Amino acid sequence: MSAPRDLREAIEGACTTSTAVHDASIRRAQADRAAVPGIPRRFDPNFRAINSEYRLALSEYRQRVTVVRRLFAASRGWTIGKHFTIRMLRAGSPGRTRDDYRGESLHPVIDHPEYFRLPVRPWRPAAILSHSYVPREQILTFAADRGLDAEFLESSWYYPGGTTAVVLTAKVQQ
């Protein structure tokens, strides 16, 4: 199998389990509202069964997303990273400065972010992948205002049909 095909199949699997998590979450909330007041949820067999189903679906989803992240990063020549700021991404800076702590609000455009870095020292920021609920036009405006390029992916594995997956990278200087 080729890497893009593996990635596509992994994304499809993550999307399927994401939908299962969402559906189980709705049933869990309904069971919680229907529970008898004063009786702890751990004694309600209906809630326990639905909660168990939700936890299993969530565990499978997390495992699948881990695979998707690894394959996605490998397909771009990146590694999975930890949190970094837009300024760090634009500047290609691996470390934080005091300006990074000013609290720029990136919500709602950057939601459920995933961070990717270059694979060699000093592991500079490469991209932020956001699963955003806002329209594409708002994402494009956000990216342009901050000097970023936005690449929309075919599907979001966070909440398929409800979120848009966008890869934000620093603009290439020409």
C-alpha atoms as a PDB file:
ATOM      1  CA  MET A   1       0.000   0.000   0.000  1.00  0.00           C
ATOM      2  CA  SER A   2       1.134   3.517  -0.702  1.00  0.00           C
ATOM      3  CA  ALA A   3       1.380   6.122   2.032  1.00  0.00           C
ATOM      4  CA  PRO A   4      -1.411   8.379   0.631  1.00  0.00           C
ATOM      5  CA  ARG A   5      -3.730   5.378   0.420  1.00  0.00           C
ATOM      6  CA  ASP A   6      -2.863   4.375   3.993  1.00  0.00           C
ATOM      7  CA  LEU A   7      -3.547   7.944   5.125  1.00  0.00           C
ATOM      8  CA  ARG A   8      -6.861   8.068   3.266  1.00  0.00           C
ATOM      9  CA  GLU A   9      -7.962   4.763   4.822  1.00  0.00           C
ATOM     10  CA  ALA A  10      -6.832   5.909   8.282  1.00  0.00           C
ATOM     11  CA  ILE A  11      -8.804   9.152   7.904  1.00  0.00           C
ATOM     12  CA  GLU A  12     -11.909   7.224   6.812  1.00  0.00           C
ATOM     13  CA  GLY A  13     -11.579   4.971   9.881  1.00  0.00           C
ATOM     14  CA  ALA A  14     -11.137   7.965  12.179  1.00  0.00           C
ATOM     15  CA  CYS A  15     -14.175   9.664  10.605  1.00  0.00           C
ATOM     16  CA  THR A  16     -16.278   6.546  11.183  1.00  0.00           C
ATOM     17  CA  THR A  17     -15.252   6.281  14.831  1.00  0.00           C
ATOM     18  CA  SER A  18     -15.691  10.047  15.295  1.00  0.00           C
ATOM     19  CA  THR A  19     -19.304   9.663  14.183  1.00  0.00           C
ATOM     20  CA  ALA A  20     -19.726   6.731  16.594  1.00  0.00           C
ATOM     21  CA  VAL A  21     -18.349   8.863  19.449  1.00  0.00           C
ATOM     22  CA  HIS A  22     -20.703  11.713  18.576  1.00  0.00           C
ATOM     23  CA  ASP A  23     -23.737   9.392  18.424  1.00  0.00           C
ATOM     24  CA  ALA A  24     -22.801   7.695  21.714  1.00  0.00           C
ATOM     25  CA  SER A  25     -22.276  11.120  23.290  1.00  0.00           C
ATOM     26  CA  ILE A  26     -25.819  12.139  22.342  1.00  0.00           C
ATOM     27  CA  ARG A  27     -27.258   8.891  23.750  1.00  0.00           C
ATOM     28  CA  ARG A  28     -25.187   9.394  26.915  1.00  0.00           C
ATOM     29  CA  ALA A  29     -26.552  12.910  27.395  1.00  0.00           C
ATOM     30  CA  GLN A  30     -30.115  11.650  26.851  1.00  0.00           C
ATOM     31  CA  ALA A  31     -29.595   8.841  29.380  1.00  0.00           C
ATOM     32  CA  ASP A  32     -28.158  11.338  31.849  1.00  0.00           C
ATOM     33  CA  ARG A  33     -31.235  13.571  31.530  1.00  0.00           C
ATOM     34  CA  ALA A  34     -33.565  10.557  31.828  1.00  0.00           C
ATOM     35  CA  ALA A  35     -31.864   9.207  34.961  1.00  0.00           C
ATOM     36  CA  VAL A  36     -33.802   9.158  38.204  1.00  0.00           C
ATOM     37  CA  PRO A  37     -32.883  12.146  40.391  1.00  0.00           C
ATOM     38  CA  GLY A  38     -30.990  11.251  43.531  1.00  0.00           C
ATOM     39  CA  ILE A  39     -29.654   7.948  42.211  1.00  0.00           C
ATOM     40  CA  PRO A  40     -25.968   8.043  41.267  1.00  0.00           C
ATOM     41  CA  ARG A  41     -25.346   7.291  37.575  1.00  0.00           C
ATOM     42  CA  ARG A  42     -23.044   4.402  38.517  1.00  0.00           C
ATOM     43  CA  PHE A  43     -26.117   2.494  39.809  1.00  0.00           C
ATOM     44  CA  ASP A  44     -28.221   3.101  36.688  1.00  0.00           C
ATOM     45  CA  PRO A  45     -27.673   0.073  34.397  1.00  0.00           C
ATOM     46  CA  ASN A  46     -28.914   1.926  31.296  1.00  0.00           C
ATOM     47  CA  PHE A  47     -26.554   4.858  31.841  1.00  0.00           C
ATOM     48  CA  ARG A  48     -23.670   2.513  32.650  1.00  0.00           C
ATOM     49  CA  ALA A  49     -24.160   0.570  29.401  1.00  0.00           C
ATOM     50  CA  ILE A  50     -24.337   3.728  27.290  1.00  0.00           C
ATOM     51  CA  ASN A  51     -21.392   5.274  29.132  1.00  0.00           C
ATOM     52  CA  SER A  52     -19.362   2.119  28.508  1.00  0.00           C
ATOM     53  CA  GLU A  53     -20.245   2.249  24.798  1.00  0.00           C
ATOM     54  CA  TYR A  54     -19.186   5.911  24.706  1.00  0.00           C
ATOM     55  CA  ARG A  55     -15.863   5.215  26.435  1.00  0.00           C
ATOM     56  CA  LEU A  56     -15.058   2.323  24.078  1.00  0.00           C
ATOM     57  CA  ALA A  57     -15.856   4.435  21.006  1.00  0.00           C
ATOM     58  CA  LEU A  58     -13.743   7.298  22.370  1.00  0.00           C
ATOM     59  CA  SER A  59     -10.813   4.979  23.056  1.00  0.00           C
ATOM     60  CA  GLU A  60     -10.953   3.550  19.526  1.00  0.00           C
ATOM     61  CA  TYR A  61     -11.223   7.063  18.068  1.00  0.00           C
ATOM     62  CA  ARG A  62      -8.158   8.259  19.980  1.00  0.00           C
ATOM     63  CA  GLN A  63      -6.147   5.269  18.765  1.00  0.00           C
ATOM     64  CA  ARG A  64      -7.177   5.905  15.165  1.00  0.00           C
ATOM     65  CA  VAL A  65      -6.396   9.623  15.378  1.00  0.00           C
ATOM     66  CA  THR A  66      -2.916   8.817  16.664  1.00  0.00           C
ATOM     67  CA  VAL A  67      -2.339   6.767  13.503  1.00  0.00           C
ATOM     68  CA  VAL A  68      -3.809   9.522  11.302  1.00  0.00           C
ATOM     69  CA  ARG A  69      -1.540  12.158  12.868  1.00  0.00           C
ATOM     70  CA  ARG A  70       1.555  10.017  12.342  1.00  0.00           C
ATOM     71  CA  LEU A  71       0.679   9.229   8.737  1.00  0.00           C
ATOM     72  CA  PHE A  72      -0.277  12.842   8.000  1.00  0.00           C
ATOM     73  CA  ALA A  73       2.971  14.145   9.496  1.00  0.00           C
ATOM     74  CA  ALA A  74       5.018  11.547   7.594  1.00  0.00           C
ATOM     75  CA  SER A  75       3.260  12.410   4.324  1.00  0.00           C
ATOM     76  CA  ARG A  76       4.447  16.016   4.716  1.00  0.00           C
ATOM     77  CA  GLY A  77       7.898  15.235   6.097  1.00  0.00           C
ATOM     78  CA  TRP A  78       6.985  16.585   9.553  1.00  0.00           C
ATOM     79  CA  THR A  79       6.762  15.233  13.090  1.00  0.00           C
ATOM     80  CA  ILE A  80       3.967  15.643  15.600  1.00  0.00           C
ATOM     81  CA  GLY A  81       4.645  18.654  17.789  1.00  0.00           C
ATOM     82  CA  LYS A  82       3.427  20.303  20.925  1.00  0.00           C
ATOM     83  CA  HIS A  83       1.713  23.669  21.218  1.00  0.00           C
ATOM     84  CA  PHE A  84       3.308  26.698  19.596  1.00  0.00           C
ATOM     85  CA  THR A  85       2.014  30.125  18.658  1.00  0.00           C
ATOM     86  CA  ILE A  86       1.178  31.780  15.344  1.00  0.00           C
ATOM     87  CA  ARG A  87       4.184  34.093  15.806  1.00  0.00           C
ATOM     88  CA  MET A  88       6.462  31.082  16.237  1.00  0.00           C
ATOM     89  CA  LEU A  89       4.982  29.491  13.105  1.00  0.00           C
ATOM     90  CA  ARG A  90       5.445  32.662  11.034  1.00  0.00           C
ATOM     91  CA  ALA A  91       8.992  33.247  12.276  1.00  0.00           C
ATOM     92  CA  GLY A  92      10.012  29.589  12.219  1.00  0.00           C
ATOM     93  CA  SER A  93      11.110  30.040  15.810  1.00  0.00           C
ATOM     94  CA  PRO A  94      11.466  26.904  17.947  1.00  0.00           C
ATOM     95  CA  GLY A  95      11.341  28.790  21.252  1.00  0.00           C
ATOM     96  CA  ARG A  96       8.938  31.113  22.962  1.00  0.00           C
ATOM     97  CA  THR A  97       9.462  34.729  23.838  1.00  0.00           C
ATOM     98  CA  ARG A  98       7.568  36.908  26.279  1.00  0.00           C
ATOM     99  CA  ASP A  99       5.503  38.194  23.340  1.00  0.00           C
ATOM    100  CA  ASP A 100       4.026  34.715  22.959  1.00  0.00           C
ATOM    101  CA  TYR A 101       2.229  35.061  26.268  1.00  0.00           C
ATOM    102  CA  ARG A 102       0.097  38.079  25.345  1.00  0.00           C
ATOM    103  CA  GLY A 103      -2.985  35.943  24.904  1.00  0.00           C
ATOM    104  CA  GLU A 104      -3.979  36.433  21.271  1.00  0.00           C
ATOM    105  CA  SER A 105      -7.356  34.760  20.840  1.00  0.00           C
ATOM    106  CA  LEU A 106      -7.351  32.341  17.930  1.00  0.00           C
ATOM    107  CA  HIS A 107     -10.776  30.895  18.605  1.00  0.00           C
ATOM    108  CA  PRO A 108     -13.055  30.174  16.732  1.00  0.00           C
ATOM    109  CA  VAL A 109     -10.849  29.721  13.641  1.00  0.00           C
ATOM    110  CA  ILE A 110      -8.253  27.563  15.358  1.00  0.00           C
ATOM    111  CA  ASP A 111     -10.242  24.903  17.147  1.00  0.00           C
ATOM    112  CA  HIS A 112      -9.152  21.371  18.035  1.00  0.00           C
ATOM    113  CA  PRO A 113      -5.618  22.173  16.810  1.00  0.00           C
ATOM    114  CA  GLU A 114      -2.892  19.702  15.962  1.00  0.00           C
ATOM    115  CA  TYR A 115       0.719  20.890  15.775  1.00  0.00           C
ATOM    116  CA  PHE A 116       3.460  19.718  13.450  1.00  0.00           C
ATOM    117  CA  ARG A 117       7.177  20.515  13.450  1.00  0.00           C
ATOM    118  CA  LEU A 118      10.117  19.994  11.128  1.00  0.00           C
ATOM    119  CA  PRO A 119      11.876  16.677  11.839  1.00  0.00           C
ATOM    120  CA  VAL A 120      15.368  18.043  12.572  1.00  0.00           C
ATOM    121  CA  ARG A 121      16.819  20.197  15.316  1.00  0.00           C
ATOM    122  CA  PRO A 122      15.734  22.733  16.440  1.00  0.00           C
ATOM    123  CA  TRP A 123      12.333  21.293  15.427  1.00  0.00           C
ATOM    124  CA  ARG A 124      10.894  24.510  14.057  1.00  0.00           C
ATOM    125  CA  PRO A 125       7.106  24.822  13.746  1.00  0.00           C
ATOM    126  CA  ALA A 126       5.850  23.607  10.361  1.00  0.00           C
ATOM    127  CA  ALA A 127       2.050  23.809  10.537  1.00  0.00           C
ATOM    128  CA  ILE A 128      -1.072  23.988  12.629  1.00  0.00           C
ATOM    129  CA  LEU A 129      -3.946  21.782  11.545  1.00  0.00           C
ATOM    130  CA  SER A 130      -7.257  23.150  12.775  1.00  0.00           C
ATOM    131  CA  HIS A 131     -10.652  21.464  12.784  1.00  0.00           C
ATOM    132  CA  SER A 132     -12.744  24.610  12.613  1.00  0.00           C
ATOM    133  CA  TYR A 133     -16.497  25.197  12.720  1.00  0.00           C
ATOM    134  CA  VAL A 134     -16.361  28.575  10.931  1.00  0.00           C
ATOM    135  CA  PRO A 135     -16.890  29.163   7.182  1.00  0.00           C
ATOM    136  CA  ARG A 136     -13.950  28.907   4.786  1.00  0.00           C
ATOM    137  CA  GLU A 137     -14.060  32.629   4.013  1.00  0.00           C
ATOM    138  CA  GLN A 138     -13.494  33.462   7.676  1.00  0.00           C
ATOM    139  CA  ILE A 139     -10.564  31.039   7.806  1.00  0.00           C
ATOM    140  CA  LEU A 140      -9.014  32.591   4.693  1.00  0.00           C
ATOM    141  CA  THR A 141      -9.390  36.094   6.149  1.00  0.00           C
ATOM    142  CA  PHE A 142      -7.857  34.964   9.437  1.00  0.00           C
ATOM    143  CA  ALA A 143      -4.895  33.406   7.623  1.00  0.00           C
ATOM    144  CA  ALA A 144      -4.316  36.419   5.361  1.00  0.00           C
ATOM    145  CA  ASP A 145      -4.463  38.842   8.318  1.00  0.00           C
ATOM    146  CA  ARG A 146      -1.749  36.842  10.089  1.00  0.00           C
ATOM    147  CA  GLY A 147       0.528  36.145   7.132  1.00  0.00           C
ATOM    148  CA  LEU A 148      -0.361  32.465   6.826  1.00  0.00           C
ATOM    149  CA  ASP A 149      -1.260  30.153   3.978  1.00  0.00           C
ATOM    150  CA  ALA A 150      -4.381  28.028   4.377  1.00  0.00           C
ATOM    151  CA  GLU A 151      -4.759  24.619   2.749  1.00  0.00           C
ATOM    152  CA  PHE A 152      -8.133  22.931   3.117  1.00  0.00           C
ATOM    153  CA  LEU A 153      -8.160  19.148   3.453  1.00  0.00           C
ATOM    154  CA  GLU A 154     -10.829  16.914   1.919  1.00  0.00           C
ATOM    155  CA  SER A 155     -12.266  15.938   5.276  1.00  0.00           C
ATOM    156  CA  SER A 156     -11.903  16.571   8.965  1.00  0.00           C
ATOM    157  CA  TRP A 157     -11.477  13.541  11.199  1.00  0.00           C
ATOM    158  CA  TYR A 158     -12.511  15.488  14.296  1.00  0.00           C
ATOM    159  CA  TYR A 159     -16.191  15.903  13.434  1.00  0.00           C
ATOM    160  CA  PRO A 160     -16.848  14.948   9.795  1.00  0.00           C
ATOM    161  CA  GLY A 161     -19.410  17.184   8.173  1.00  0.00           C
ATOM    162  CA  GLY A 162     -19.382  19.572  11.117  1.00  0.00           C
ATOM    163  CA  THR A 163     -15.818  20.875  10.969  1.00  0.00           C
ATOM    164  CA  THR A 164     -13.439  21.951   8.231  1.00  0.00           C
ATOM    165  CA  ALA A 165      -9.840  20.741   8.385  1.00  0.00           C
ATOM    166  CA  VAL A 166      -7.352  23.428   7.401  1.00  0.00           C
ATOM    167  CA  VAL A 167      -3.550  23.336   7.462  1.00  0.00           C
ATOM    168  CA  LEU A 168      -2.044  26.714   8.350  1.00  0.00           C
ATOM    169  CA  THR A 169       1.582  27.311   7.373  1.00  0.00           C
ATOM    170  CA  ALA A 170       3.818  30.371   7.188  1.00  0.00           C
ATOM    171  CA  LYS A 171       3.637  32.236   3.885  1.00  0.00           C
ATOM    172  CA  VAL A 172       6.605  31.515   1.654  1.00  0.00           C
ATOM    173  CA  GLN A 173       8.518  34.730   0.976  1.00  0.00           C
ATOM    174  CA  GLN A 174       9.037  35.336  -2.739  1.00  0.00           C
END
